[in-house]
Amino acid sequence: MDGQILANSLVTLKGTDLRMVYALLLKTNIGHLLSSKAKDVISKLSKEESDNFTYHLEQEVNKLRNVEDQVLQVDLFLEMTRLLKLRGTKYTLEKEIVDQFILIVNDVYQQLLIQDKQFKRFAENEIHSSKLQQMIKFQMSKLFNELDNSFKDFTIEDQTKFASQVNEYIQSLPEEKQSKIKEKLGVDDLTDEMIRKAIATSGSSIVFAIIVEVSGFAFYTTATSLLASFAGFFGITLPFGVYTGLTSTIAVLANPLFLVPVLLGGGALLVNHQNKSLKKKLMPIIVMQITLPFMSRGADEVSFELFIAEWNRRFDEYCMLQIELKNEDAEELKLQSNIKKTKGQISNINSSIYKEELQIRIEKQQIYNALKSSNLEDLDINEAFRKNRREYWDINDKILSLQQAKKVDAVNDSFFRKLGINFQIWVQNLILKARRKI
């Protein structure tokens, strides 16, 4: 039954309610929470009222105005499945969607049991309620407990105003249910004063639990509206307006008992881990925020048609992308095969070139050796060879002529050098003889 209720809740969640939940789960991270909290602290120091986290959510909601409801619904559904690491399947039938939501409820329930020891004790006393009902009642009771801590500080006038709005809801119930509430509260008459005294003595969490037990979850809509109206008394300053459905969520997120474990969970630098931890902590809240509007107000008609159509569109798109990917993979394999083949051909060509170059070097050496030991006059290969041979002979003749000329020059040079030396000696002797005669 829980899976059916949560499935119905999601496909009937629309407008601002849907976009606020979407923004909370898919557009919020630990940075948004911390920066918003820091800004709020600064604002309080300067005695200004502000709620930066709600402002962040409002901004994200405005960005989603033109996105169709079913698109956001499918996004939320898939994100929840992903965060819980559930195995995906085709969602072409309502039953397939409901079955997945059964798994979601069970996983979130087990997660809440681990996260919050108080919930384990609470669940033991709520054995007649379903898992989904237990989670919602527990989270709302925690919020009402916050009210218990503040209600006693109200003036009598404000307490009466608050009780009057609670009583207004009770008076709208059938006589039979009013009688049950009177019986459970132990009062003779349902006046504003009697309700005020009941809340003051027993606590709002007890009184509200009795009202919910008798009237159903519809009272939570009234309760959250009341909390929005009296938010200032609880230390919550929110521009709720149409966002009253998120009162409980904002109060939980603003609580240090929620933030500190998230921050300590992965170390100061492990941002990704912190964000995952935050989203896991948010899952029970998200389930409650999805479910409350449907459980409180119900729906005239529940249709999965648009949700399934959006899923089918995405699935068809996925199939097309898979085909394209398969074709791309085949093309890549073909290209890789061609590249491998081309590289093989290049390798073979390079090997052939190397062998040819090696053979050319061998043949050139053989030709060199053959020419060196051969008689050029006996060789008659072709006209070009004969021309080169004549040029070779002419060059050799010139070399020989130059060598002979050099030898003649050397002989002549030696004779005249000797003649010059003898002449110098003769002249010097004449000079010496002349000096002796003097």
Protein backbone atom coordinates (compact mmCIF):
# COMPACT_ATOMS: atom_id res chain seq x y z
CA MET A 1 0.00 0.00 0.00
CA ASP A 2 2.86 2.39 0.83
CA GLY A 3 4.28 2.02 -2.67
CA GLN A 4 0.92 2.85 -4.22
CA ILE A 5 0.46 5.90 -1.97
CA LEU A 6 3.94 7.26 -2.73
CA ALA A 7 3.48 6.60 -6.46
CA ASN A 8 0.10 8.35 -6.43
CA SER A 9 1.63 11.20 -4.43
CA LEU A 10 4.37 11.81 -6.96
CA VAL A 11 2.21 11.74 -10.10
CA THR A 12 -0.29 14.14 -8.46
CA LEU A 13 2.40 16.47 -7.08
CA LYS A 14 2.33 19.59 -9.23
CA GLY A 15 3.00 23.30 -9.34
CA THR A 16 5.04 24.94 -6.59
CA ASP A 17 4.89 21.91 -4.28
CA LEU A 18 6.59 19.78 -6.92
CA ARG A 19 9.19 22.40 -7.81
CA MET A 20 10.11 23.06 -4.18
CA VAL A 21 10.74 19.34 -3.57
CA TYR A 22 12.67 19.13 -6.84
CA ALA A 23 14.81 22.13 -5.89
CA LEU A 24 15.43 20.67 -2.45
CA LEU A 25 16.70 17.31 -3.72
CA LEU A 26 18.29 18.12 -7.07
CA LYS A 27 19.35 21.76 -6.71
CA THR A 28 20.63 21.87 -3.14
CA ASN A 29 24.05 20.95 -1.80
CA ILE A 30 25.99 21.36 1.40
CA GLY A 31 27.39 24.68 0.14
CA HIS A 32 23.90 26.17 -0.15
CA LEU A 33 23.02 25.14 3.39
CA LEU A 34 26.23 26.44 4.94
CA SER A 35 26.31 29.73 3.04
CA SER A 36 22.63 30.36 3.80
CA LYS A 37 23.17 29.61 7.48
CA ALA A 38 26.19 31.94 7.59
CA LYS A 39 24.24 34.75 5.91
CA ASP A 40 21.37 34.29 8.35
CA VAL A 41 23.76 34.57 11.31
CA ILE A 42 25.21 37.78 9.88
CA SER A 43 21.70 39.15 9.35
CA LYS A 44 20.76 38.37 12.95
CA LEU A 45 23.84 40.18 14.19
CA SER A 46 22.73 43.23 12.24
CA LYS A 47 19.16 42.70 13.53
CA GLU A 48 17.76 42.05 10.06
CA GLU A 49 15.29 39.32 9.25
CA SER A 50 16.31 36.97 6.45
CA ASP A 51 16.07 33.39 5.29
CA ASN A 52 18.62 32.82 2.56
CA PHE A 53 17.96 29.12 2.19
CA THR A 54 14.30 29.65 1.37
CA TYR A 55 15.40 32.42 -0.98
CA HIS A 56 17.69 29.89 -2.71
CA LEU A 57 14.77 27.47 -3.09
CA GLU A 58 12.50 30.22 -4.42
CA GLN A 59 15.10 31.17 -7.03
CA GLU A 60 15.39 27.55 -8.16
CA VAL A 61 11.59 27.24 -8.29
CA ASN A 62 11.38 30.29 -10.56
CA LYS A 63 13.85 28.66 -12.96
CA LEU A 64 11.54 25.64 -13.23
CA ARG A 65 8.33 27.52 -14.03
CA ASN A 66 8.33 26.51 -17.69
CA VAL A 67 9.35 22.89 -17.15
CA GLU A 68 6.48 20.42 -17.46
CA ASP A 69 5.37 18.65 -14.28
CA GLN A 70 5.90 15.14 -15.63
CA VAL A 71 9.51 15.98 -16.54
CA LEU A 72 10.24 16.99 -12.95
CA GLN A 73 8.33 14.00 -11.58
CA VAL A 74 10.41 11.54 -13.61
CA ASP A 75 13.61 13.40 -12.64
CA LEU A 76 12.70 13.10 -8.95
CA PHE A 77 11.81 9.43 -9.30
CA LEU A 78 15.07 8.56 -11.08
CA GLU A 79 17.16 10.61 -8.63
CA MET A 80 15.64 8.78 -5.67
CA THR A 81 16.31 5.45 -7.38
CA ARG A 82 19.90 6.50 -8.07
CA LEU A 83 20.60 7.76 -4.55
CA LEU A 84 19.30 4.52 -3.04
CA LYS A 85 21.27 2.50 -5.61
CA LEU A 86 18.20 0.57 -6.67
CA ARG A 87 18.23 -1.48 -9.83
CA GLY A 88 16.38 0.31 -12.60
CA THR A 89 13.87 -1.27 -14.97
CA LYS A 90 11.27 -0.29 -17.54
CA TYR A 91 8.40 1.75 -16.16
CA THR A 92 5.74 1.31 -18.82
CA LEU A 93 3.10 0.03 -16.38
CA GLU A 94 1.71 1.52 -13.19
CA LYS A 95 2.58 -1.70 -11.34
CA GLU A 96 6.26 -1.38 -12.29
CA ILE A 97 6.33 2.15 -10.87
CA VAL A 98 4.52 1.12 -7.68
CA ASP A 99 6.89 -1.84 -7.19
CA GLN A 100 9.87 0.50 -7.39
CA PHE A 101 8.28 2.86 -4.88
CA ILE A 102 7.79 -0.06 -2.48
CA LEU A 103 11.56 -0.57 -2.61
CA ILE A 104 12.11 3.17 -2.12
CA VAL A 105 9.89 3.27 0.98
CA ASN A 106 11.59 0.19 2.46
CA ASP A 107 15.09 1.55 1.83
CA VAL A 108 14.33 5.01 3.22
CA TYR A 109 12.65 3.44 6.25
CA GLN A 110 15.70 1.29 7.00
CA GLN A 111 17.93 4.29 6.46
CA LEU A 112 15.93 6.35 8.95
CA LEU A 113 16.14 3.54 11.51
CA ILE A 114 19.93 3.69 11.21
CA GLN A 115 20.16 7.49 11.15
CA ASP A 116 17.87 8.25 14.08
CA LYS A 117 17.69 6.11 17.22
CA GLN A 118 14.59 8.01 18.32
CA PHE A 119 12.78 6.78 15.23
CA LYS A 120 13.48 3.16 16.18
CA ARG A 121 11.78 3.70 19.53
CA PHE A 122 8.96 5.65 17.85
CA ALA A 123 8.38 2.87 15.29
CA GLU A 124 8.09 0.24 18.03
CA ASN A 125 5.07 2.13 19.37
CA GLU A 126 3.51 2.57 15.91
CA ILE A 127 3.26 -1.05 14.84
CA HIS A 128 -0.27 -0.51 13.53
CA SER A 129 0.92 2.22 11.16
CA SER A 130 2.60 1.52 7.83
CA LYS A 131 6.27 2.34 7.27
CA LEU A 132 5.34 5.42 5.26
CA GLN A 133 2.93 6.64 7.92
CA GLN A 134 5.52 6.04 10.64
CA MET A 135 8.12 8.17 8.83
CA ILE A 136 5.71 11.05 8.30
CA LYS A 137 4.31 10.95 11.83
CA PHE A 138 7.80 10.82 13.32
CA GLN A 139 9.13 13.79 11.36
CA MET A 140 6.05 15.87 12.07
CA SER A 141 6.19 14.94 15.75
CA LYS A 142 9.80 16.16 15.90
CA LEU A 143 8.64 19.47 14.53
CA PHE A 144 5.76 19.63 17.00
CA ASN A 145 8.24 18.94 19.79
CA GLU A 146 10.01 22.13 18.75
CA LEU A 147 6.67 23.86 19.22
CA ASP A 148 6.35 22.37 22.72
CA ASN A 149 9.58 24.08 23.70
CA SER A 150 8.27 27.44 22.54
CA PHE A 151 4.54 27.31 23.31
CA LYS A 152 5.01 27.92 27.01
CA ASP A 153 6.74 31.21 26.18
CA PHE A 154 3.72 32.46 24.23
CA THR A 155 1.47 35.01 25.85
CA ILE A 156 -1.95 33.67 26.85
CA GLU A 157 -3.41 35.67 23.99
CA ASP A 158 -1.08 34.07 21.42
CA GLN A 159 -1.64 30.63 22.89
CA THR A 160 -5.37 31.17 22.53
CA LYS A 161 -5.00 32.33 18.92
CA PHE A 162 -3.00 29.23 18.12
CA ALA A 163 -5.48 26.95 19.91
CA SER A 164 -8.37 28.68 18.15
CA GLN A 165 -7.01 27.72 14.72
CA VAL A 166 -6.49 24.13 15.86
CA ASN A 167 -10.04 24.06 17.21
CA GLU A 168 -11.37 25.52 13.98
CA TYR A 169 -10.06 22.44 12.18
CA ILE A 170 -11.54 20.11 14.81
CA GLN A 171 -14.95 21.81 14.49
CA SER A 172 -14.88 21.12 10.74
CA LEU A 173 -14.83 17.38 11.43
CA PRO A 174 -17.93 15.19 11.73
CA GLU A 175 -19.50 14.93 15.19
CA GLU A 176 -18.34 11.35 15.55
CA LYS A 177 -14.67 12.31 15.10
CA GLN A 178 -15.05 15.31 17.40
CA SER A 179 -16.37 13.02 20.10
CA LYS A 180 -13.38 10.68 19.70
CA ILE A 181 -10.98 13.62 20.00
CA LYS A 182 -12.75 14.82 23.17
CA GLU A 183 -12.54 11.33 24.59
CA LYS A 184 -8.83 10.92 23.83
CA LEU A 185 -8.00 14.42 25.11
CA GLY A 186 -10.07 13.84 28.26
CA VAL A 187 -12.10 17.04 27.92
CA ASP A 188 -15.82 17.67 28.18
CA ASP A 189 -16.03 20.37 25.55
CA LEU A 190 -13.95 21.46 22.53
CA THR A 191 -13.49 25.16 23.28
CA ASP A 192 -10.47 27.28 22.40
CA GLU A 193 -9.56 27.45 26.08
CA MET A 194 -9.78 23.68 26.53
CA ILE A 195 -7.57 23.10 23.50
CA ARG A 196 -5.09 25.71 24.78
CA LYS A 197 -4.88 24.00 28.15
CA ALA A 198 -4.48 20.58 26.50
CA ILE A 199 -1.57 21.82 24.41
CA ALA A 200 0.01 23.61 27.37
CA THR A 201 -0.21 20.58 29.66
CA SER A 202 0.19 17.59 27.31
CA GLY A 203 2.18 19.24 24.56
CA SER A 204 1.30 19.95 20.96
CA SER A 205 2.95 16.73 19.78
CA ILE A 206 0.49 14.66 21.86
CA VAL A 207 -2.55 16.75 20.96
CA PHE A 208 -1.68 16.79 17.27
CA ALA A 209 -0.98 13.05 17.25
CA ILE A 210 -4.48 12.43 18.63
CA ILE A 211 -6.04 14.70 16.01
CA VAL A 212 -4.12 12.93 13.21
CA GLU A 213 -5.07 9.53 14.58
CA VAL A 214 -8.76 10.45 14.45
CA SER A 215 -8.98 12.72 11.41
CA GLY A 216 -6.12 11.45 9.26
CA PHE A 217 -3.19 13.17 7.63
CA ALA A 218 -5.31 16.08 6.40
CA PHE A 219 -4.56 17.79 9.71
CA TYR A 220 -0.90 18.13 8.76
CA THR A 221 -1.84 20.73 6.17
CA THR A 222 -3.47 22.79 8.90
CA ALA A 223 -0.53 22.14 11.23
CA THR A 224 2.10 23.32 8.76
CA SER A 225 0.03 26.41 7.97
CA LEU A 226 -0.14 27.12 11.70
CA LEU A 227 3.60 26.74 12.01
CA ALA A 228 4.05 29.16 9.13
CA SER A 229 1.75 31.68 10.79
CA PHE A 230 3.54 31.41 14.13
CA ALA A 231 7.02 30.83 12.69
CA GLY A 232 8.47 33.92 14.34
CA PHE A 233 7.74 32.49 17.77
CA PHE A 234 9.77 29.37 16.92
CA GLY A 235 12.80 31.31 15.75
CA ILE A 236 11.90 30.60 12.12
CA THR A 237 11.48 33.65 9.92
CA LEU A 238 10.24 32.42 6.56
CA PRO A 239 8.34 34.10 3.71
CA PHE A 240 6.16 30.98 3.49
CA GLY A 241 3.16 32.20 1.52
CA VAL A 242 2.36 29.36 -0.81
CA TYR A 243 5.35 27.39 0.49
CA THR A 244 3.77 26.40 3.80
CA GLY A 245 4.16 22.75 2.86
CA LEU A 246 7.92 23.07 3.38
CA THR A 247 7.70 24.47 6.91
CA SER A 248 8.72 21.18 8.48
CA THR A 249 11.58 20.68 6.05
CA ILE A 250 13.07 24.13 6.62
CA ALA A 251 12.88 23.66 10.37
CA VAL A 252 14.70 20.32 10.16
CA LEU A 253 17.40 21.64 7.84
CA ALA A 254 18.00 24.66 10.05
CA ASN A 255 18.57 22.44 13.07
CA PRO A 256 22.28 21.97 14.00
CA LEU A 257 21.44 18.36 14.90
CA PHE A 258 20.82 17.81 11.19
CA LEU A 259 23.77 19.81 9.85
CA VAL A 260 26.59 18.69 12.16
CA PRO A 261 26.43 14.94 11.37
CA VAL A 262 26.35 15.74 7.68
CA LEU A 263 29.46 17.89 7.96
CA LEU A 264 31.36 15.38 10.07
CA GLY A 265 30.37 12.46 7.92
CA GLY A 266 33.06 12.83 5.28
CA GLY A 267 35.64 15.26 6.56
CA ALA A 268 35.92 18.94 5.78
CA LEU A 269 37.41 18.47 2.31
CA LEU A 270 35.29 15.62 1.00
CA VAL A 271 32.63 17.79 -0.61
CA ASN A 272 31.20 15.10 -2.85
CA HIS A 273 30.84 12.75 0.06
CA GLN A 274 29.15 15.48 2.08
CA ASN A 275 26.67 16.18 -0.70
CA LYS A 276 25.80 12.49 -0.97
CA SER A 277 25.44 12.34 2.79
CA LEU A 278 23.18 15.39 2.71
CA LYS A 279 20.93 13.88 0.07
CA LYS A 280 20.66 10.62 1.98
CA LYS A 281 19.71 12.57 5.08
CA LEU A 282 17.13 14.42 3.00
CA MET A 283 15.44 11.28 1.66
CA PRO A 284 12.99 10.80 4.55
CA ILE A 285 12.12 14.49 4.33
CA ILE A 286 11.68 14.26 0.56
CA VAL A 287 9.37 11.26 0.91
CA MET A 288 7.32 13.19 3.45
CA GLN A 289 7.15 16.32 1.29
CA ILE A 290 6.03 14.28 -1.73
CA THR A 291 3.42 12.37 0.24
CA LEU A 292 1.87 14.98 2.54
CA PRO A 293 -0.13 16.91 -0.11
CA PHE A 294 -1.72 13.71 -1.41
CA MET A 295 -2.36 12.19 2.03
CA SER A 296 -3.72 15.49 3.33
CA ARG A 297 -5.89 16.54 0.41
CA GLY A 298 -6.19 13.45 -1.73
CA ALA A 299 -6.77 13.71 -5.47
CA ASP A 300 -9.89 13.52 -7.59
CA GLU A 301 -8.11 11.51 -10.24
CA VAL A 302 -4.77 9.76 -10.24
CA SER A 303 -3.30 9.16 -13.67
CA PHE A 304 0.10 7.74 -14.55
CA GLU A 305 -0.38 8.47 -18.24
CA LEU A 306 1.82 11.58 -18.48
CA PHE A 307 4.48 10.11 -16.21
CA ILE A 308 4.69 6.92 -18.29
CA ALA A 309 4.65 8.94 -21.55
CA GLU A 310 7.62 10.98 -20.31
CA TRP A 311 9.42 7.81 -19.24
CA ASN A 312 8.74 6.22 -22.65
CA ARG A 313 10.06 9.33 -24.40
CA ARG A 314 13.26 9.12 -22.41
CA PHE A 315 13.51 5.36 -22.90
CA ASP A 316 13.06 5.75 -26.67
CA GLU A 317 15.69 8.47 -26.66
CA TYR A 318 17.96 6.19 -24.66
CA CYS A 319 17.40 3.35 -27.13
CA MET A 320 18.24 5.67 -30.03
CA LEU A 321 21.39 6.79 -28.26
CA GLN A 322 22.29 3.15 -27.61
CA ILE A 323 21.90 2.41 -31.32
CA GLU A 324 24.01 5.44 -32.18
CA LEU A 325 26.59 4.37 -29.62
CA LYS A 326 26.60 0.84 -31.02
CA ASN A 327 27.09 2.24 -34.53
CA GLU A 328 29.83 4.54 -33.28
CA ASP A 329 31.52 1.60 -31.55
CA ALA A 330 31.29 -0.46 -34.74
CA GLU A 331 32.71 2.45 -36.73
CA GLU A 332 35.48 2.86 -34.17
CA LEU A 333 36.33 -0.84 -34.40
CA LYS A 334 36.38 -0.58 -38.18
CA LEU A 335 38.65 2.46 -38.04
CA GLN A 336 40.92 0.75 -35.53
CA SER A 337 41.08 -2.30 -37.82
CA ASN A 338 41.93 -0.08 -40.80
CA ILE A 339 44.54 1.76 -38.75
CA LYS A 340 46.05 -1.53 -37.65
CA LYS A 341 46.04 -2.77 -41.24
CA THR A 342 47.60 0.48 -42.49
CA LYS A 343 50.26 0.34 -39.81
CA GLY A 344 51.05 -3.22 -40.90
CA GLN A 345 51.35 -2.10 -44.51
CA ILE A 346 53.58 0.82 -43.50
CA SER A 347 55.74 -1.57 -41.47
CA ASN A 348 56.04 -3.93 -44.46
CA ILE A 349 56.90 -1.04 -46.80
CA ASN A 350 59.53 0.27 -44.37
CA SER A 351 60.99 -3.23 -44.15
CA SER A 352 61.08 -3.46 -47.97
CA ILE A 353 62.70 -0.03 -48.21
CA TYR A 354 65.35 -1.06 -45.70
CA LYS A 355 66.08 -4.25 -47.63
CA GLU A 356 66.25 -2.35 -50.94
CA GLU A 357 68.57 0.29 -49.48
CA LEU A 358 70.78 -2.45 -48.05
CA GLN A 359 70.89 -4.17 -51.44
CA ILE A 360 71.74 -0.87 -53.15
CA ARG A 361 74.63 -0.30 -50.75
CA ILE A 362 75.93 -3.81 -51.46
CA GLU A 363 75.67 -3.38 -55.23
CA LYS A 364 77.33 0.05 -55.10
CA GLN A 365 80.23 -1.47 -53.19
CA GLN A 366 80.44 -4.27 -55.72
CA ILE A 367 80.45 -1.77 -58.61
CA TYR A 368 83.10 0.30 -56.86
CA ASN A 369 85.31 -2.73 -56.33
CA ALA A 370 84.75 -3.87 -59.92
CA LEU A 371 85.61 -0.46 -61.38
CA LYS A 372 88.66 -0.17 -59.18
CA SER A 373 90.14 -3.39 -60.53
CA SER A 374 88.89 -3.13 -64.12
CA ASN A 375 90.53 -1.69 -67.23
CA LEU A 376 88.36 1.22 -68.27
CA GLU A 377 89.44 0.79 -71.90
CA ASP A 378 87.89 -2.66 -71.96
CA LEU A 379 84.58 -1.44 -70.67
CA ASP A 380 82.01 -0.35 -73.20
CA ILE A 381 78.71 0.04 -71.42
CA ASN A 382 76.91 2.93 -73.14
CA GLU A 383 77.45 6.37 -74.60
CA ALA A 384 77.19 8.12 -71.25
CA PHE A 385 79.80 5.81 -69.81
CA ARG A 386 82.06 6.43 -72.76
CA LYS A 387 81.65 10.18 -72.35
CA ASN A 388 82.50 9.97 -68.65
CA ARG A 389 85.50 7.79 -69.50
CA ARG A 390 86.85 10.39 -71.97
CA GLU A 391 86.38 13.10 -69.36
CA TYR A 392 88.22 10.89 -66.86
CA TRP A 393 91.11 10.41 -69.26
CA ASP A 394 91.30 14.17 -70.01
CA ILE A 395 91.40 14.91 -66.30
CA ASN A 396 94.17 12.33 -65.81
CA ASP A 397 96.20 13.88 -68.69
CA LYS A 398 95.85 17.32 -67.09
CA ILE A 399 96.98 15.95 -63.75
CA LEU A 400 100.06 14.37 -65.38
CA SER A 401 100.94 17.59 -67.23
CA LEU A 402 100.69 19.60 -64.03
CA GLN A 403 102.88 17.10 -62.21
CA GLN A 404 105.60 17.30 -64.98
CA ALA A 405 105.49 21.09 -64.97
CA LYS A 406 105.94 21.13 -61.25
CA LYS A 407 109.07 18.95 -61.52
CA VAL A 408 110.63 21.26 -64.20
CA ASP A 409 109.88 24.31 -62.09
CA ALA A 410 111.50 22.69 -59.16
CA VAL A 411 114.76 21.95 -61.12
CA ASN A 412 114.94 25.46 -62.57
CA ASP A 413 114.29 26.99 -59.25
CA SER A 414 117.20 25.03 -57.73
CA PHE A 415 119.72 26.13 -60.46
CA PHE A 416 118.96 29.85 -60.26
CA ARG A 417 118.97 29.75 -56.47
CA LYS A 418 122.53 28.33 -56.55
CA LEU A 419 123.65 30.87 -59.14
CA GLY A 420 122.35 33.74 -57.00
CA ILE A 421 124.13 32.47 -53.91
CA ASN A 422 127.49 32.15 -55.80
CA PHE A 423 127.14 35.66 -57.21
CA GLN A 424 126.55 37.07 -53.73
CA ILE A 425 129.66 35.27 -52.45
CA TRP A 426 131.80 36.64 -55.36
CA VAL A 427 130.60 40.20 -54.69
CA GLN A 428 131.42 39.94 -51.01
CA ASN A 429 134.94 38.65 -51.78
CA LEU A 430 135.63 41.61 -54.10
CA ILE A 431 134.60 44.01 -51.35
CA LEU A 432 136.91 42.37 -48.82
CA LYS A 433 139.93 42.52 -51.23
CA ALA A 434 139.34 46.20 -51.91
CA ARG A 435 139.32 47.01 -48.21
CA ARG A 436 142.62 45.22 -47.66
CA LYS A 437 144.37 47.32 -50.31
CA ILE A 438 143.22 50.47 -48.64
